[in-house]
């Protein structure tokens, strides 16, 4: 069963709910898009799935029909009753919580070692939520999310690309991200003013560097002046000897460096012996 435009409109009318822009509420009303999300997520019978911003339950029902057990998180108390109605008799736990507060729902993941996150994410929380999940919830091993197009570009970008920045680097430290397709505004109600994308994020077995926190602190300082050469943006932090030891060109800019470049430079700045985890690529290499 999938919920189309008429079913979503009827459900919202009966529960006296009108979408709130402040909550980033754009409900998917196209069954084909729902089925596409579930297919790309590769949901298998018996899998545990956490869905953020479950809304009217259209995606929730499709996930259950694929055999998943679902933790459906929704911040809007007006929609909890609608979700309960749609999910009645199905293996779904409906939780009213602010998903950006990981502590409010992370304990619910204790029942399984591996979870997938599948969601039509509200635009206004997508980036911090995904980065916090990568940092703090290792049991979430795969994600398939629908996000604003430019957010997907930013999270999946590689060194040398215009969209590459701190979020891209942070994702690359712990996962591989790939844009799997685009989604037009016409599949939503109300229609957003921007296009969306389907983004897959799959966690690496181990972080791509052994000094993630150190490299990220160093990169954050450099990206604060991303147009400047590293010798300028890291003046007073990274001495010429550190660049030499790390084999990183001080005339490069922050957006030129891959994870292993940042790892070696952070290790050299910290006075560590040799590079940290990495495959030996030099500045400008793609992650």
C-alpha atoms as a PDB file:
ATOM      1  CA  UNK A   1       0.000   0.000   0.000  1.00  0.00           C
ATOM      2  CA  UNK A   2       1.216   3.486  -0.851  1.00  0.00           C
ATOM      3  CA  UNK A   3      -0.337   6.829   0.030  1.00  0.00           C
ATOM      4  CA  UNK A   4      -0.970   9.085  -2.940  1.00  0.00           C
ATOM      5  CA  UNK A   5      -2.038  12.717  -3.079  1.00  0.00           C
ATOM      6  CA  UNK A   6      -5.714  12.069  -2.296  1.00  0.00           C
ATOM      7  CA  UNK A   7      -4.958   9.804   0.672  1.00  0.00           C
ATOM      8  CA  UNK A   8      -2.429  12.267   2.133  1.00  0.00           C
ATOM      9  CA  UNK A   9      -4.854  15.184   1.720  1.00  0.00           C
ATOM     10  CA  UNK A  10      -7.658  13.234   3.405  1.00  0.00           C
ATOM     11  CA  UNK A  11      -5.446  12.156   6.292  1.00  0.00           C
ATOM     12  CA  UNK A  12      -4.228  15.696   6.945  1.00  0.00           C
ATOM     13  CA  UNK A  13      -7.758  17.093   6.715  1.00  0.00           C
ATOM     14  CA  UNK A  14      -9.165  14.607   9.199  1.00  0.00           C
ATOM     15  CA  UNK A  15      -6.359  15.284  11.656  1.00  0.00           C
ATOM     16  CA  UNK A  16      -6.582  19.054  11.097  1.00  0.00           C
ATOM     17  CA  UNK A  17      -2.970  19.409  10.025  1.00  0.00           C
ATOM     18  CA  UNK A  18      -1.592  22.047   7.703  1.00  0.00           C
ATOM     19  CA  UNK A  19       2.092  21.895   6.716  1.00  0.00           C
ATOM     20  CA  UNK A  20       4.428  24.183   8.620  1.00  0.00           C
ATOM     21  CA  UNK A  21       7.332  25.764   6.793  1.00  0.00           C
ATOM     22  CA  UNK A  22       9.147  26.191  10.116  1.00  0.00           C
ATOM     23  CA  UNK A  23       9.298  22.383  10.389  1.00  0.00           C
ATOM     24  CA  UNK A  24      10.336  21.897   6.778  1.00  0.00           C
ATOM     25  CA  UNK A  25       7.174  19.906   6.055  1.00  0.00           C
ATOM     26  CA  UNK A  26       6.904  18.899   2.398  1.00  0.00           C
ATOM     27  CA  UNK A  27       5.020  15.617   2.160  1.00  0.00           C
ATOM     28  CA  UNK A  28       5.784  13.145  -0.642  1.00  0.00           C
ATOM     29  CA  UNK A  29       2.571  12.460  -2.559  1.00  0.00           C
ATOM     30  CA  UNK A  30       3.976  10.404  -5.433  1.00  0.00           C
ATOM     31  CA  UNK A  31       3.880   6.614  -4.854  1.00  0.00           C
ATOM     32  CA  UNK A  32       6.515   6.004  -7.524  1.00  0.00           C
ATOM     33  CA  UNK A  33       8.990   8.189  -5.642  1.00  0.00           C
ATOM     34  CA  UNK A  34       8.246   6.317  -2.417  1.00  0.00           C
ATOM     35  CA  UNK A  35       8.858   2.981  -4.111  1.00  0.00           C
ATOM     36  CA  UNK A  36      12.056   4.354  -5.641  1.00  0.00           C
ATOM     37  CA  UNK A  37      13.399   5.351  -2.230  1.00  0.00           C
ATOM     38  CA  UNK A  38      12.714   1.920  -0.746  1.00  0.00           C
ATOM     39  CA  UNK A  39      14.292   0.175  -3.728  1.00  0.00           C
ATOM     40  CA  UNK A  40      17.448   2.303  -3.649  1.00  0.00           C
ATOM     41  CA  UNK A  41      17.724   1.820   0.108  1.00  0.00           C
ATOM     42  CA  UNK A  42      17.883  -1.929  -0.493  1.00  0.00           C
ATOM     43  CA  UNK A  43      15.587  -2.669   2.432  1.00  0.00           C
ATOM     44  CA  UNK A  44      15.363  -6.420   3.100  1.00  0.00           C
ATOM     45  CA  UNK A  45      12.931  -8.419   5.250  1.00  0.00           C
ATOM     46  CA  UNK A  46      13.838  -8.290   8.919  1.00  0.00           C
ATOM     47  CA  UNK A  47      15.977  -5.155   8.684  1.00  0.00           C
ATOM     48  CA  UNK A  48      15.692  -2.371  11.241  1.00  0.00           C
ATOM     49  CA  UNK A  49      15.047   1.064   9.766  1.00  0.00           C
ATOM     50  CA  UNK A  50      14.850   4.428  11.483  1.00  0.00           C
ATOM     51  CA  UNK A  51      12.851   7.044   9.600  1.00  0.00           C
ATOM     52  CA  UNK A  52      13.270  10.715  10.481  1.00  0.00           C
ATOM     53  CA  UNK A  53      10.354  13.050   9.819  1.00  0.00           C
ATOM     54  CA  UNK A  54       7.844  10.278   9.175  1.00  0.00           C
ATOM     55  CA  UNK A  55       5.079  12.801   8.483  1.00  0.00           C
ATOM     56  CA  UNK A  56       1.963  11.115   7.096  1.00  0.00           C
ATOM     57  CA  UNK A  57       3.522   7.661   7.052  1.00  0.00           C
ATOM     58  CA  UNK A  58       3.668   7.162   3.270  1.00  0.00           C
ATOM     59  CA  UNK A  59       7.302   6.062   3.344  1.00  0.00           C
ATOM     60  CA  UNK A  60       6.792   4.262   6.650  1.00  0.00           C
ATOM     61  CA  UNK A  61       4.171   1.955   5.168  1.00  0.00           C
ATOM     62  CA  UNK A  62       6.328   1.235   2.113  1.00  0.00           C
ATOM     63  CA  UNK A  63       9.291   0.328   4.331  1.00  0.00           C
ATOM     64  CA  UNK A  64       7.126  -2.065   6.334  1.00  0.00           C
ATOM     65  CA  UNK A  65       5.740  -3.602   3.141  1.00  0.00           C
ATOM     66  CA  UNK A  66       9.354  -4.321   2.158  1.00  0.00           C
ATOM     67  CA  UNK A  67       9.741  -6.311   5.379  1.00  0.00           C
ATOM     68  CA  UNK A  68      11.406  -3.761   7.656  1.00  0.00           C
ATOM     69  CA  UNK A  69      10.761  -3.037  11.311  1.00  0.00           C
ATOM     70  CA  UNK A  70      10.561   0.735  11.584  1.00  0.00           C
ATOM     71  CA  UNK A  71      11.260   3.335  14.234  1.00  0.00           C
ATOM     72  CA  UNK A  72       9.300   6.340  12.908  1.00  0.00           C
ATOM     73  CA  UNK A  73      10.374   9.637  14.460  1.00  0.00           C
ATOM     74  CA  UNK A  74       8.186  12.718  14.127  1.00  0.00           C
ATOM     75  CA  UNK A  75       8.605  16.006  15.976  1.00  0.00           C
ATOM     76  CA  UNK A  76       5.128  17.385  15.183  1.00  0.00           C
ATOM     77  CA  UNK A  77       2.641  16.178  17.763  1.00  0.00           C
ATOM     78  CA  UNK A  78      -0.222  16.946  15.372  1.00  0.00           C
ATOM     79  CA  UNK A  79       0.990  14.146  13.084  1.00  0.00           C
ATOM     80  CA  UNK A  80       1.527  11.467  15.714  1.00  0.00           C
ATOM     81  CA  UNK A  81      -2.152  10.505  15.646  1.00  0.00           C
ATOM     82  CA  UNK A  82      -2.149  10.322  11.866  1.00  0.00           C
ATOM     83  CA  UNK A  83       0.959   8.138  11.931  1.00  0.00           C
ATOM     84  CA  UNK A  84      -0.585   5.846  14.522  1.00  0.00           C
ATOM     85  CA  UNK A  85      -3.668   5.460  12.322  1.00  0.00           C
ATOM     86  CA  UNK A  86      -1.693   4.663   9.173  1.00  0.00           C
ATOM     87  CA  UNK A  87       0.692   2.281  10.942  1.00  0.00           C
ATOM     88  CA  UNK A  88      -1.868   0.435  13.063  1.00  0.00           C
ATOM     89  CA  UNK A  89      -1.182  -3.312  13.126  1.00  0.00           C
ATOM     90  CA  UNK A  90       2.265  -2.912  11.537  1.00  0.00           C
ATOM     91  CA  UNK A  91       5.731  -3.386  13.117  1.00  0.00           C
ATOM     92  CA  UNK A  92       6.249   0.341  13.623  1.00  0.00           C
ATOM     93  CA  UNK A  93       7.234   2.238  16.756  1.00  0.00           C
ATOM     94  CA  UNK A  94       6.050   5.833  16.481  1.00  0.00           C
ATOM     95  CA  UNK A  95       8.158   8.190  18.582  1.00  0.00           C
ATOM     96  CA  UNK A  96       7.478  11.885  19.028  1.00  0.00           C
ATOM     97  CA  UNK A  97      10.923  13.438  19.362  1.00  0.00           C
ATOM     98  CA  UNK A  98      13.243  16.092  17.986  1.00  0.00           C
ATOM     99  CA  UNK A  99      15.566  14.003  15.817  1.00  0.00           C
ATOM    100  CA  UNK A 100      18.355  16.593  16.101  1.00  0.00           C
ATOM    101  CA  UNK A 101      18.607  15.586  19.765  1.00  0.00           C
ATOM    102  CA  UNK A 102      20.191  12.174  19.267  1.00  0.00           C
ATOM    103  CA  UNK A 103      19.835  11.340  22.940  1.00  0.00           C
ATOM    104  CA  UNK A 104      16.042  11.421  22.567  1.00  0.00           C
ATOM    105  CA  UNK A 105      15.990   8.441  20.197  1.00  0.00           C
ATOM    106  CA  UNK A 106      19.399   6.750  20.224  1.00  0.00           C
ATOM    107  CA  UNK A 107      18.424   4.407  23.112  1.00  0.00           C
ATOM    108  CA  UNK A 108      15.716   2.932  20.831  1.00  0.00           C
ATOM    109  CA  UNK A 109      18.463   1.552  18.584  1.00  0.00           C
ATOM    110  CA  UNK A 110      19.842  -0.714  21.296  1.00  0.00           C
ATOM    111  CA  UNK A 111      17.864  -3.721  20.054  1.00  0.00           C
ATOM    112  CA  UNK A 112      20.013  -4.324  16.960  1.00  0.00           C
ATOM    113  CA  UNK A 113      23.623  -3.859  15.855  1.00  0.00           C
ATOM    114  CA  UNK A 114      22.775  -2.607  12.375  1.00  0.00           C
ATOM    115  CA  UNK A 115      20.215  -0.021  11.348  1.00  0.00           C
ATOM    116  CA  UNK A 116      19.472   1.841   8.162  1.00  0.00           C
ATOM    117  CA  UNK A 117      18.308   5.444   8.146  1.00  0.00           C
ATOM    118  CA  UNK A 118      15.793   6.037   5.349  1.00  0.00           C
ATOM    119  CA  UNK A 119      13.990   9.352   5.222  1.00  0.00           C
ATOM    120  CA  UNK A 120      12.615  12.334   3.398  1.00  0.00           C
ATOM    121  CA  UNK A 121      14.542  14.744   5.599  1.00  0.00           C
ATOM    122  CA  UNK A 122      13.310  18.232   6.421  1.00  0.00           C
ATOM    123  CA  UNK A 123      15.678  20.563   4.606  1.00  0.00           C
ATOM    124  CA  UNK A 124      16.452  22.636   7.674  1.00  0.00           C
ATOM    125  CA  UNK A 125      17.953  19.773   9.715  1.00  0.00           C
ATOM    126  CA  UNK A 126      19.494  17.511   7.079  1.00  0.00           C
ATOM    127  CA  UNK A 127      23.194  18.427   7.233  1.00  0.00           C
ATOM    128  CA  UNK A 128      23.718  18.556  11.016  1.00  0.00           C
ATOM    129  CA  UNK A 129      21.550  15.475  11.562  1.00  0.00           C
ATOM    130  CA  UNK A 130      23.472  13.351   9.067  1.00  0.00           C
ATOM    131  CA  UNK A 131      26.872  14.488  10.347  1.00  0.00           C
ATOM    132  CA  UNK A 132      25.880  13.920  13.975  1.00  0.00           C
ATOM    133  CA  UNK A 133      24.555  10.468  13.100  1.00  0.00           C
ATOM    134  CA  UNK A 134      27.859   9.558  11.452  1.00  0.00           C
ATOM    135  CA  UNK A 135      29.774  10.793  14.489  1.00  0.00           C
ATOM    136  CA  UNK A 136      27.582   9.461  17.255  1.00  0.00           C
ATOM    137  CA  UNK A 137      25.572   6.441  16.079  1.00  0.00           C
ATOM    138  CA  UNK A 138      27.895   3.757  14.684  1.00  0.00           C
ATOM    139  CA  UNK A 139      25.032   1.250  14.589  1.00  0.00           C
ATOM    140  CA  UNK A 140      23.523   3.247  11.711  1.00  0.00           C
ATOM    141  CA  UNK A 141      25.579   1.670   8.945  1.00  0.00           C
ATOM    142  CA  UNK A 142      23.715   2.908   5.881  1.00  0.00           C
ATOM    143  CA  UNK A 143      21.533   5.844   4.921  1.00  0.00           C
ATOM    144  CA  UNK A 144      19.327   6.662   1.969  1.00  0.00           C
ATOM    145  CA  UNK A 145      17.878  10.129   2.334  1.00  0.00           C
ATOM    146  CA  UNK A 146      16.056  12.657   0.201  1.00  0.00           C
ATOM    147  CA  UNK A 147      17.551  16.102   0.753  1.00  0.00           C
ATOM    148  CA  UNK A 148      17.822  19.442  -0.976  1.00  0.00           C
ATOM    149  CA  UNK A 149      19.894  19.127  -4.137  1.00  0.00           C
ATOM    150  CA  UNK A 150      22.655  21.472  -3.010  1.00  0.00           C
ATOM    151  CA  UNK A 151      22.916  19.668   0.344  1.00  0.00           C
ATOM    152  CA  UNK A 152      23.471  16.375  -1.465  1.00  0.00           C
ATOM    153  CA  UNK A 153      26.119  17.995  -3.683  1.00  0.00           C
ATOM    154  CA  UNK A 154      27.905  19.369  -0.642  1.00  0.00           C
ATOM    155  CA  UNK A 155      27.928  16.102   1.300  1.00  0.00           C
ATOM    156  CA  UNK A 156      29.051  13.979  -1.653  1.00  0.00           C
ATOM    157  CA  UNK A 157      31.655  16.381  -3.086  1.00  0.00           C
ATOM    158  CA  UNK A 158      35.279  15.378  -3.662  1.00  0.00           C
ATOM    159  CA  UNK A 159      38.433  17.515  -3.315  1.00  0.00           C
ATOM    160  CA  UNK A 160      38.775  20.045  -6.099  1.00  0.00           C
ATOM    161  CA  UNK A 161      35.029  20.444  -6.584  1.00  0.00           C
ATOM    162  CA  UNK A 162      33.382  23.774  -5.767  1.00  0.00           C
ATOM    163  CA  UNK A 163      30.946  22.157  -3.318  1.00  0.00           C
ATOM    164  CA  UNK A 164      33.712  20.452  -1.344  1.00  0.00           C
ATOM    165  CA  UNK A 165      34.020  21.778   2.177  1.00  0.00           C
ATOM    166  CA  UNK A 166      33.939  20.804   5.826  1.00  0.00           C
ATOM    167  CA  UNK A 167      30.711  18.747   5.528  1.00  0.00           C
ATOM    168  CA  UNK A 168      32.172  16.818   2.574  1.00  0.00           C
ATOM    169  CA  UNK A 169      35.358  16.127   4.517  1.00  0.00           C
ATOM    170  CA  UNK A 170      33.498  15.042   7.612  1.00  0.00           C
ATOM    171  CA  UNK A 171      31.419  12.559   5.601  1.00  0.00           C
ATOM    172  CA  UNK A 172      34.514  11.232   3.817  1.00  0.00           C
ATOM    173  CA  UNK A 173      36.197  10.549   7.153  1.00  0.00           C
ATOM    174  CA  UNK A 174      33.577   7.958   8.065  1.00  0.00           C
ATOM    175  CA  UNK A 175      31.600   7.022   4.947  1.00  0.00           C
ATOM    176  CA  UNK A 176      31.201   7.031   1.209  1.00  0.00           C
ATOM    177  CA  UNK A 177      28.468   9.264  -0.194  1.00  0.00           C
ATOM    178  CA  UNK A 178      26.869   9.058  -3.618  1.00  0.00           C
ATOM    179  CA  UNK A 179      24.008  10.882  -5.299  1.00  0.00           C
ATOM    180  CA  UNK A 180      21.710   8.241  -6.816  1.00  0.00           C
ATOM    181  CA  UNK A 181      19.189  10.468  -8.528  1.00  0.00           C
ATOM    182  CA  UNK A 182      17.253  13.733  -8.635  1.00  0.00           C
ATOM    183  CA  UNK A 183      13.707  14.424  -7.527  1.00  0.00           C
ATOM    184  CA  UNK A 184      11.531  17.266  -8.911  1.00  0.00           C
ATOM    185  CA  UNK A 185       9.434  19.553  -6.679  1.00  0.00           C
ATOM    186  CA  UNK A 186       6.235  18.136  -8.219  1.00  0.00           C
ATOM    187  CA  UNK A 187       6.337  14.984  -6.052  1.00  0.00           C
ATOM    188  CA  UNK A 188       5.774  17.038  -2.877  1.00  0.00           C
ATOM    189  CA  UNK A 189       2.900  18.881  -1.269  1.00  0.00           C
ATOM    190  CA  UNK A 190       3.352  21.713  -0.742  1.00  0.00           C
ATOM    191  CA  UNK A 191       5.880  22.064  -3.523  1.00  0.00           C
ATOM    192  CA  UNK A 192       9.306  23.322  -2.396  1.00  0.00           C
ATOM    193  CA  UNK A 193      11.056  25.983  -4.433  1.00  0.00           C
ATOM    194  CA  UNK A 194      14.108  23.784  -4.986  1.00  0.00           C
ATOM    195  CA  UNK A 195      14.852  20.362  -6.402  1.00  0.00           C
ATOM    196  CA  UNK A 196      15.866  17.410  -4.255  1.00  0.00           C
ATOM    197  CA  UNK A 197      18.265  14.500  -4.570  1.00  0.00           C
ATOM    198  CA  UNK A 198      18.508  10.947  -3.301  1.00  0.00           C
ATOM    199  CA  UNK A 199      21.733  10.549  -1.360  1.00  0.00           C
ATOM    200  CA  UNK A 200      23.255   7.257  -0.220  1.00  0.00           C
ATOM    201  CA  UNK A 201      25.740   7.348   2.655  1.00  0.00           C
ATOM    202  CA  UNK A 202      27.402   4.040   3.563  1.00  0.00           C
ATOM    203  CA  UNK A 203      29.588   3.879   6.635  1.00  0.00           C
ATOM    204  CA  UNK A 204      33.160   2.609   6.229  1.00  0.00           C
ATOM    205  CA  UNK A 205      34.179  -0.404   8.357  1.00  0.00           C
ATOM    206  CA  UNK A 206      36.721   1.896  10.019  1.00  0.00           C
ATOM    207  CA  UNK A 207      37.257   5.675   9.794  1.00  0.00           C
ATOM    208  CA  UNK A 208      39.403   6.743   6.862  1.00  0.00           C
ATOM    209  CA  UNK A 209      41.912   8.267   9.286  1.00  0.00           C
ATOM    210  CA  UNK A 210      43.015   7.439  12.801  1.00  0.00           C
ATOM    211  CA  UNK A 211      43.061  11.066  13.934  1.00  0.00           C
ATOM    212  CA  UNK A 212      39.662  12.276  12.725  1.00  0.00           C
ATOM    213  CA  UNK A 213      39.116  14.775  15.528  1.00  0.00           C
ATOM    214  CA  UNK A 214      42.545  16.373  15.095  1.00  0.00           C
ATOM    215  CA  UNK A 215      42.318  16.628  11.319  1.00  0.00           C
ATOM    216  CA  UNK A 216      38.845  18.085  11.486  1.00  0.00           C
ATOM    217  CA  UNK A 217      39.915  20.782  13.949  1.00  0.00           C
ATOM    218  CA  UNK A 218      42.783  21.716  11.641  1.00  0.00           C
ATOM    219  CA  UNK A 219      40.585  21.676   8.540  1.00  0.00           C
ATOM    220  CA  UNK A 220      37.957  23.817  10.236  1.00  0.00           C
ATOM    221  CA  UNK A 221      40.547  26.510  10.849  1.00  0.00           C
ATOM    222  CA  UNK A 222      41.718  26.385   7.229  1.00  0.00           C
ATOM    223  CA  UNK A 223      38.226  26.344   5.708  1.00  0.00           C
ATOM    224  CA  UNK A 224      37.468  29.482   7.699  1.00  0.00           C
ATOM    225  CA  UNK A 225      39.566  31.191   5.006  1.00  0.00           C
ATOM    226  CA  UNK A 226      39.012  28.719   2.205  1.00  0.00           C
ATOM    227  CA  UNK A 227      40.189  31.022  -0.596  1.00  0.00           C
ATOM    228  CA  UNK A 228      43.597  31.464   0.973  1.00  0.00           C
ATOM    229  CA  UNK A 229      46.585  29.175   0.569  1.00  0.00           C
ATOM    230  CA  UNK A 230      47.197  26.854   3.489  1.00  0.00           C
ATOM    231  CA  UNK A 231      50.411  28.624   4.423  1.00  0.00           C
ATOM    232  CA  UNK A 232      48.281  31.707   5.103  1.00  0.00           C
ATOM    233  CA  UNK A 233      45.123  30.184   6.592  1.00  0.00           C
ATOM    234  CA  UNK A 234      47.189  27.960   8.925  1.00  0.00           C
ATOM    235  CA  UNK A 235      49.850  30.546   9.777  1.00  0.00           C
ATOM    236  CA  UNK A 236      50.840  30.089  13.396  1.00  0.00           C
ATOM    237  CA  UNK A 237      49.416  26.557  13.441  1.00  0.00           C
ATOM    238  CA  UNK A 238      51.250  24.596  10.751  1.00  0.00           C
ATOM    239  CA  UNK A 239      54.947  25.425  10.373  1.00  0.00           C
ATOM    240  CA  UNK A 240      56.789  24.889   7.067  1.00  0.00           C
ATOM    241  CA  UNK A 241      58.369  21.782   8.584  1.00  0.00           C
ATOM    242  CA  UNK A 242      54.917  20.294   9.180  1.00  0.00           C
ATOM    243  CA  UNK A 243      53.951  20.757   5.531  1.00  0.00           C
ATOM    244  CA  UNK A 244      57.214  19.149   4.475  1.00  0.00           C
ATOM    245  CA  UNK A 245      56.802  16.218   6.858  1.00  0.00           C
ATOM    246  CA  UNK A 246      53.236  15.635   5.665  1.00  0.00           C
ATOM    247  CA  UNK A 247      54.191  16.090   1.993  1.00  0.00           C
ATOM    248  CA  UNK A 248      51.407  18.647   1.579  1.00  0.00           C
ATOM    249  CA  UNK A 249      51.925  21.677  -0.659  1.00  0.00           C
ATOM    250  CA  UNK A 250      51.571  24.832   1.482  1.00  0.00           C
ATOM    251  CA  UNK A 251      50.354  26.726  -1.599  1.00  0.00           C
ATOM    252  CA  UNK A 252      47.336  24.389  -1.881  1.00  0.00           C
ATOM    253  CA  UNK A 253      43.934  25.547  -0.691  1.00  0.00           C
ATOM    254  CA  UNK A 254      41.721  23.704   1.790  1.00  0.00           C
ATOM    255  CA  UNK A 255      39.448  22.376  -0.935  1.00  0.00           C
ATOM    256  CA  UNK A 256      42.378  20.608  -2.616  1.00  0.00           C
ATOM    257  CA  UNK A 257      43.121  18.203   0.228  1.00  0.00           C
ATOM    258  CA  UNK A 258      41.654  14.715   0.705  1.00  0.00           C
ATOM    259  CA  UNK A 259      41.178  12.951   4.031  1.00  0.00           C
ATOM    260  CA  UNK A 260      44.611  11.354   4.089  1.00  0.00           C
ATOM    261  CA  UNK A 261      46.264  14.709   3.295  1.00  0.00           C
ATOM    262  CA  UNK A 262      44.543  16.322   6.270  1.00  0.00           C
ATOM    263  CA  UNK A 263      45.424  13.307   8.416  1.00  0.00           C
ATOM    264  CA  UNK A 264      49.130  13.534   7.626  1.00  0.00           C
ATOM    265  CA  UNK A 265      49.173  17.288   8.140  1.00  0.00           C
ATOM    266  CA  UNK A 266      47.328  17.048  11.457  1.00  0.00           C
ATOM    267  CA  UNK A 267      49.728  14.330  12.597  1.00  0.00           C
ATOM    268  CA  UNK A 268      52.722  16.449  11.619  1.00  0.00           C
ATOM    269  CA  UNK A 269      51.311  19.480  13.442  1.00  0.00           C
ATOM    270  CA  UNK A 270      50.760  17.335  16.522  1.00  0.00           C
ATOM    271  CA  UNK A 271      54.321  16.013  16.286  1.00  0.00           C
ATOM    272  CA  UNK A 272      53.229  12.424  15.540  1.00  0.00           C
ATOM    273  CA  UNK A 273      55.587  10.018  13.834  1.00  0.00           C
ATOM    274  CA  UNK A 274      54.595   9.403  10.211  1.00  0.00           C
ATOM    275  CA  UNK A 275      51.198   9.650   8.543  1.00  0.00           C
ATOM    276  CA  UNK A 276      48.027   8.338  10.046  1.00  0.00           C
ATOM    277  CA  UNK A 277      45.610   6.025   8.225  1.00  0.00           C
ATOM    278  CA  UNK A 278      45.488   6.713   4.496  1.00  0.00           C
ATOM    279  CA  UNK A 279      46.462   5.284   1.128  1.00  0.00           C
ATOM    280  CA  UNK A 280      49.423   7.544   0.420  1.00  0.00           C
ATOM    281  CA  UNK A 281      47.732   9.932  -2.006  1.00  0.00           C
ATOM    282  CA  UNK A 282      48.952  13.493  -2.068  1.00  0.00           C
ATOM    283  CA  UNK A 283      47.139  16.818  -2.038  1.00  0.00           C
ATOM    284  CA  UNK A 284      44.578  17.233  -4.763  1.00  0.00           C
ATOM    285  CA  UNK A 285      43.676  13.527  -4.851  1.00  0.00           C
ATOM    286  CA  UNK A 286      40.035  12.551  -4.737  1.00  0.00           C
ATOM    287  CA  UNK A 287      38.524  10.723  -1.797  1.00  0.00           C
END
